[in-house]
Amino acid sequence: MEQHVRSRTRGLTHTAPAEVTLQAALDALADPIRRRIVRELAGVPDWERACGTFNHLPVAKSTLSHHFAVLRGVGLLEQRDEGARRLNRLRRAEFDERFPGLLTLVVGEEGP
């Protein structure tokens, strides 16, 4: 998948980080739950964490879905369906190319 092209995976829209403004990236990362999702995904290999494994976060399932959509919308997250599970991949390399150092700050943040 080319970075500058939007793609759809089973109804999911994935935005290339190259299409994202700094303001949109900062807005997405302003939420502490989204930063926590990013930190948790940064600690595991690609495609290893399913959305259902984030049920420990203190938000409703619908709110969690919204957070995943926001992260996809700014090019931070790629998702794919595998059976009944939706797996996640942090698009760290692509995002780092667009916004050098930003994810390093988020991942290094100490938080709940």
N, C-alpha and C. Protein backbone atom coordinates (compact mmCIF):
# COMPACT_ATOMS: atom_id res chain seq x y z
N MET A 1 0.84 -1.17 0.00
CA MET A 1 0.00 0.00 0.00
C MET A 1 0.89 1.23 0.00
N GLU A 2 0.71 2.14 -0.92
CA GLU A 2 1.50 3.35 -0.98
C GLU A 2 1.09 4.29 0.13
N GLN A 3 2.05 5.04 0.67
CA GLN A 3 1.78 5.91 1.79
C GLN A 3 0.86 7.08 1.45
N HIS A 4 0.90 7.55 0.24
CA HIS A 4 0.13 8.74 -0.10
C HIS A 4 -1.27 8.43 -0.61
N VAL A 5 -1.66 7.19 -0.60
CA VAL A 5 -2.97 6.79 -1.11
C VAL A 5 -3.83 6.30 0.04
N ARG A 6 -5.07 6.75 0.07
CA ARG A 6 -6.01 6.22 1.05
C ARG A 6 -6.44 4.84 0.60
N SER A 7 -6.56 3.94 1.57
CA SER A 7 -7.01 2.61 1.22
C SER A 7 -8.15 2.21 2.13
N ARG A 8 -8.90 1.21 1.71
CA ARG A 8 -10.02 0.73 2.51
C ARG A 8 -9.82 -0.76 2.75
N THR A 9 -10.00 -1.14 3.99
CA THR A 9 -9.93 -2.53 4.37
C THR A 9 -11.23 -2.88 5.05
N ARG A 10 -12.07 -3.61 4.35
CA ARG A 10 -13.36 -4.01 4.89
C ARG A 10 -14.10 -2.84 5.51
N GLY A 11 -14.21 -1.75 4.78
CA GLY A 11 -14.94 -0.59 5.26
C GLY A 11 -14.14 0.35 6.13
N LEU A 12 -12.88 0.05 6.39
CA LEU A 12 -12.04 0.93 7.19
C LEU A 12 -11.25 1.85 6.28
N THR A 13 -11.27 3.13 6.59
CA THR A 13 -10.47 4.08 5.83
C THR A 13 -9.18 4.34 6.57
N HIS A 14 -8.07 4.21 5.87
CA HIS A 14 -6.75 4.46 6.44
C HIS A 14 -6.15 5.66 5.74
N THR A 15 -5.74 6.64 6.52
CA THR A 15 -5.14 7.85 5.98
C THR A 15 -3.62 7.72 6.04
N ALA A 16 -2.98 8.10 4.98
CA ALA A 16 -1.51 8.11 4.96
C ALA A 16 -1.01 9.27 5.81
N PRO A 17 0.00 9.04 6.65
CA PRO A 17 0.53 10.13 7.48
C PRO A 17 0.95 11.35 6.66
N ALA A 18 1.39 11.15 5.43
CA ALA A 18 1.80 12.27 4.58
C ALA A 18 0.65 13.25 4.31
N GLU A 19 -0.59 12.80 4.47
CA GLU A 19 -1.77 13.64 4.23
C GLU A 19 -2.21 14.42 5.46
N VAL A 20 -1.56 14.19 6.58
CA VAL A 20 -2.01 14.72 7.86
C VAL A 20 -1.27 16.00 8.22
N THR A 21 -1.99 16.97 8.75
CA THR A 21 -1.36 18.20 9.22
C THR A 21 -0.84 17.99 10.64
N LEU A 22 0.11 18.82 11.02
CA LEU A 22 0.63 18.74 12.38
C LEU A 22 -0.50 19.00 13.39
N GLN A 23 -1.37 19.93 13.09
CA GLN A 23 -2.46 20.23 14.02
C GLN A 23 -3.37 19.02 14.22
N ALA A 24 -3.68 18.31 13.14
CA ALA A 24 -4.52 17.12 13.25
C ALA A 24 -3.83 16.04 14.09
N ALA A 25 -2.53 15.87 13.90
CA ALA A 25 -1.78 14.89 14.67
C ALA A 25 -1.78 15.26 16.15
N LEU A 26 -1.53 16.53 16.44
CA LEU A 26 -1.53 16.99 17.83
C LEU A 26 -2.91 16.86 18.47
N ASP A 27 -3.95 17.18 17.71
CA ASP A 27 -5.32 17.03 18.23
C ASP A 27 -5.61 15.58 18.59
N ALA A 28 -5.20 14.66 17.71
CA ALA A 28 -5.44 13.24 17.97
C ALA A 28 -4.68 12.76 19.20
N LEU A 29 -3.47 13.25 19.37
CA LEU A 29 -2.64 12.82 20.49
C LEU A 29 -2.90 13.60 21.77
N ALA A 30 -3.80 14.57 21.72
CA ALA A 30 -4.13 15.35 22.91
C ALA A 30 -4.91 14.52 23.93
N ASP A 31 -5.59 13.50 23.47
CA ASP A 31 -6.41 12.68 24.37
C ASP A 31 -5.55 11.63 25.08
N PRO A 32 -5.63 11.55 26.40
CA PRO A 32 -4.79 10.60 27.14
C PRO A 32 -5.10 9.13 26.83
N ILE A 33 -6.33 8.80 26.50
CA ILE A 33 -6.66 7.41 26.14
C ILE A 33 -6.00 7.05 24.82
N ARG A 34 -6.04 7.97 23.86
CA ARG A 34 -5.39 7.69 22.57
C ARG A 34 -3.88 7.57 22.73
N ARG A 35 -3.28 8.40 23.57
CA ARG A 35 -1.84 8.27 23.82
C ARG A 35 -1.53 6.93 24.46
N ARG A 36 -2.40 6.47 25.34
CA ARG A 36 -2.18 5.17 25.99
C ARG A 36 -2.27 4.04 24.96
N ILE A 37 -3.24 4.13 24.05
CA ILE A 37 -3.36 3.12 22.99
C ILE A 37 -2.07 3.09 22.18
N VAL A 38 -1.57 4.25 21.81
CA VAL A 38 -0.33 4.34 21.03
C VAL A 38 0.82 3.73 21.80
N ARG A 39 0.95 4.07 23.09
CA ARG A 39 2.05 3.52 23.90
C ARG A 39 1.96 2.00 23.98
N GLU A 40 0.75 1.47 24.17
CA GLU A 40 0.60 0.03 24.27
C GLU A 40 0.92 -0.66 22.94
N LEU A 41 0.50 -0.07 21.84
CA LEU A 41 0.81 -0.66 20.53
C LEU A 41 2.30 -0.58 20.21
N ALA A 42 2.96 0.45 20.71
CA ALA A 42 4.39 0.60 20.46
C ALA A 42 5.19 -0.52 21.13
N GLY A 43 4.61 -1.15 22.14
CA GLY A 43 5.32 -2.18 22.88
C GLY A 43 5.12 -3.59 22.38
N VAL A 44 4.40 -3.76 21.28
CA VAL A 44 4.14 -5.11 20.76
C VAL A 44 4.41 -5.15 19.26
N PRO A 45 4.66 -6.33 18.71
CA PRO A 45 4.84 -6.44 17.26
C PRO A 45 3.56 -6.09 16.49
N ASP A 46 3.75 -5.69 15.24
CA ASP A 46 2.60 -5.37 14.37
C ASP A 46 1.61 -6.52 14.32
N TRP A 47 0.34 -6.15 14.31
CA TRP A 47 -0.77 -7.07 14.13
C TRP A 47 -0.95 -8.06 15.28
N GLU A 48 -0.36 -7.77 16.45
CA GLU A 48 -0.49 -8.69 17.57
C GLU A 48 -1.62 -8.32 18.51
N ARG A 49 -2.00 -7.04 18.57
CA ARG A 49 -3.03 -6.60 19.50
C ARG A 49 -4.36 -6.41 18.77
N ALA A 50 -5.37 -7.06 19.28
CA ALA A 50 -6.74 -6.88 18.77
C ALA A 50 -7.42 -5.77 19.56
N CYS A 51 -8.41 -5.15 18.96
CA CYS A 51 -9.14 -4.09 19.64
C CYS A 51 -9.72 -4.57 20.96
N GLY A 52 -10.18 -5.81 21.00
CA GLY A 52 -10.79 -6.36 22.21
C GLY A 52 -9.84 -6.45 23.39
N THR A 53 -8.53 -6.37 23.13
CA THR A 53 -7.56 -6.46 24.22
C THR A 53 -7.37 -5.12 24.93
N PHE A 54 -8.08 -4.10 24.49
CA PHE A 54 -8.01 -2.79 25.12
C PHE A 54 -9.20 -2.54 26.04
N ASN A 55 -9.93 -3.61 26.38
CA ASN A 55 -11.14 -3.45 27.19
C ASN A 55 -10.84 -3.04 28.63
N HIS A 56 -9.57 -3.01 29.02
CA HIS A 56 -9.17 -2.56 30.36
C HIS A 56 -9.18 -1.04 30.47
N LEU A 57 -9.26 -0.33 29.35
CA LEU A 57 -9.26 1.12 29.39
C LEU A 57 -10.60 1.63 29.92
N PRO A 58 -10.59 2.74 30.66
CA PRO A 58 -11.80 3.22 31.34
C PRO A 58 -12.76 4.00 30.44
N VAL A 59 -13.13 3.41 29.31
CA VAL A 59 -14.10 4.04 28.41
C VAL A 59 -15.05 2.97 27.86
N ALA A 60 -16.20 3.41 27.40
CA ALA A 60 -17.17 2.49 26.80
C ALA A 60 -16.62 1.95 25.48
N LYS A 61 -17.14 0.81 25.07
CA LYS A 61 -16.70 0.19 23.82
C LYS A 61 -16.88 1.13 22.63
N SER A 62 -17.99 1.85 22.61
CA SER A 62 -18.24 2.78 21.51
C SER A 62 -17.22 3.93 21.51
N THR A 63 -16.83 4.38 22.68
CA THR A 63 -15.83 5.44 22.78
C THR A 63 -14.47 4.92 22.34
N LEU A 64 -14.16 3.70 22.71
CA LEU A 64 -12.91 3.09 22.28
C LEU A 64 -12.86 2.98 20.76
N SER A 65 -13.97 2.58 20.16
CA SER A 65 -14.04 2.52 18.69
C SER A 65 -13.78 3.89 18.07
N HIS A 66 -14.33 4.92 18.69
CA HIS A 66 -14.09 6.28 18.20
C HIS A 66 -12.61 6.63 18.28
N HIS A 67 -11.96 6.27 19.39
CA HIS A 67 -10.53 6.55 19.54
C HIS A 67 -9.71 5.86 18.45
N PHE A 68 -10.04 4.60 18.15
CA PHE A 68 -9.34 3.89 17.08
C PHE A 68 -9.56 4.60 15.74
N ALA A 69 -10.78 5.07 15.49
CA ALA A 69 -11.08 5.77 14.23
C ALA A 69 -10.28 7.06 14.13
N VAL A 70 -10.14 7.79 15.22
CA VAL A 70 -9.35 9.03 15.21
C VAL A 70 -7.89 8.71 14.90
N LEU A 71 -7.36 7.68 15.53
CA LEU A 71 -5.96 7.31 15.28
C LEU A 71 -5.74 6.85 13.84
N ARG A 72 -6.72 6.13 13.27
CA ARG A 72 -6.64 5.77 11.84
C ARG A 72 -6.69 7.01 10.98
N GLY A 73 -7.54 7.95 11.36
CA GLY A 73 -7.76 9.16 10.57
C GLY A 73 -6.55 10.07 10.46
N VAL A 74 -5.61 9.94 11.40
CA VAL A 74 -4.40 10.76 11.31
C VAL A 74 -3.18 9.92 10.92
N GLY A 75 -3.43 8.71 10.46
CA GLY A 75 -2.35 7.89 9.94
C GLY A 75 -1.48 7.21 10.97
N LEU A 76 -1.91 7.20 12.22
CA LEU A 76 -1.13 6.56 13.28
C LEU A 76 -1.36 5.07 13.37
N LEU A 77 -2.49 4.63 12.90
CA LEU A 77 -2.92 3.26 13.13
C LEU A 77 -3.43 2.65 11.84
N GLU A 78 -3.09 1.41 11.64
CA GLU A 78 -3.66 0.62 10.55
C GLU A 78 -4.35 -0.57 11.20
N GLN A 79 -5.51 -0.91 10.68
CA GLN A 79 -6.25 -2.04 11.23
C GLN A 79 -6.62 -3.00 10.11
N ARG A 80 -6.75 -4.28 10.49
CA ARG A 80 -7.23 -5.28 9.54
C ARG A 80 -8.06 -6.29 10.32
N ASP A 81 -9.04 -6.82 9.62
CA ASP A 81 -9.90 -7.82 10.22
C ASP A 81 -9.32 -9.20 9.96
N GLU A 82 -9.30 -10.00 11.01
CA GLU A 82 -8.85 -11.38 10.91
C GLU A 82 -9.87 -12.22 11.67
N GLY A 83 -10.77 -12.84 10.91
CA GLY A 83 -11.86 -13.55 11.55
C GLY A 83 -12.74 -12.56 12.29
N ALA A 84 -13.02 -12.84 13.55
CA ALA A 84 -13.86 -11.96 14.36
C ALA A 84 -13.05 -10.86 15.05
N ARG A 85 -11.74 -10.87 14.87
CA ARG A 85 -10.89 -9.90 15.55
C ARG A 85 -10.43 -8.80 14.61
N ARG A 86 -10.28 -7.62 15.15
CA ARG A 86 -9.69 -6.50 14.40
C ARG A 86 -8.33 -6.23 15.00
N LEU A 87 -7.30 -6.47 14.20
CA LEU A 87 -5.92 -6.33 14.65
C LEU A 87 -5.39 -4.95 14.31
N ASN A 88 -4.40 -4.51 15.06
CA ASN A 88 -3.86 -3.16 14.95
C ASN A 88 -2.37 -3.16 14.69
N ARG A 89 -1.95 -2.14 13.95
CA ARG A 89 -0.53 -1.91 13.71
C ARG A 89 -0.27 -0.42 13.85
N LEU A 90 0.69 -0.07 14.70
CA LEU A 90 1.12 1.31 14.82
C LEU A 90 2.00 1.62 13.60
N ARG A 91 1.67 2.66 12.88
CA ARG A 91 2.41 3.02 11.68
C ARG A 91 3.58 3.95 12.04
N ARG A 92 4.41 3.45 12.91
CA ARG A 92 5.46 4.27 13.50
C ARG A 92 6.44 4.81 12.46
N ALA A 93 6.96 3.97 11.59
CA ALA A 93 7.95 4.43 10.61
C ALA A 93 7.38 5.53 9.72
N GLU A 94 6.17 5.33 9.23
CA GLU A 94 5.54 6.31 8.35
C GLU A 94 5.26 7.61 9.09
N PHE A 95 4.78 7.48 10.33
CA PHE A 95 4.45 8.66 11.13
C PHE A 95 5.72 9.41 11.53
N ASP A 96 6.77 8.66 11.88
CA ASP A 96 8.05 9.29 12.23
C ASP A 96 8.64 10.05 11.05
N GLU A 97 8.45 9.53 9.86
CA GLU A 97 8.95 10.22 8.67
C GLU A 97 8.25 11.57 8.51
N ARG A 98 6.95 11.61 8.79
CA ARG A 98 6.16 12.83 8.64
C ARG A 98 6.38 13.80 9.80
N PHE A 99 6.43 13.26 11.02
CA PHE A 99 6.56 14.07 12.23
C PHE A 99 7.69 13.53 13.10
N PRO A 100 8.94 13.78 12.72
CA PRO A 100 10.07 13.22 13.45
C PRO A 100 10.05 13.59 14.94
N GLY A 101 10.19 12.57 15.77
CA GLY A 101 10.28 12.78 17.21
C GLY A 101 8.97 12.82 17.97
N LEU A 102 7.86 13.03 17.28
CA LEU A 102 6.58 13.16 17.98
C LEU A 102 6.19 11.87 18.69
N LEU A 103 6.29 10.75 18.01
CA LEU A 103 5.93 9.48 18.66
C LEU A 103 6.90 9.10 19.76
N THR A 104 8.14 9.48 19.61
CA THR A 104 9.12 9.21 20.67
C THR A 104 8.68 9.89 21.96
N LEU A 105 8.18 11.11 21.86
CA LEU A 105 7.68 11.82 23.04
C LEU A 105 6.48 11.11 23.63
N VAL A 106 5.55 10.69 22.78
CA VAL A 106 4.32 10.03 23.26
C VAL A 106 4.65 8.70 23.90
N VAL A 107 5.48 7.90 23.24
CA VAL A 107 5.81 6.57 23.76
C VAL A 107 6.60 6.68 25.06
N GLY A 108 7.43 7.70 25.18
CA GLY A 108 8.23 7.87 26.37
C GLY A 108 7.49 8.51 27.54
N GLU A 109 6.28 8.99 27.28
CA GLU A 109 5.48 9.63 28.33
C GLU A 109 5.11 8.61 29.40
N GLU A 110 5.23 9.03 30.63
CA GLU A 110 4.77 8.16 31.71
C GLU A 110 3.31 8.50 31.95
N GLY A 111 2.50 7.49 32.01
CA GLY A 111 1.08 7.72 32.22
C GLY A 111 0.39 6.44 32.58
N PRO A 112 -0.87 6.56 32.92
CA PRO A 112 -1.62 5.37 33.30
C PRO A 112 -1.81 4.41 32.16
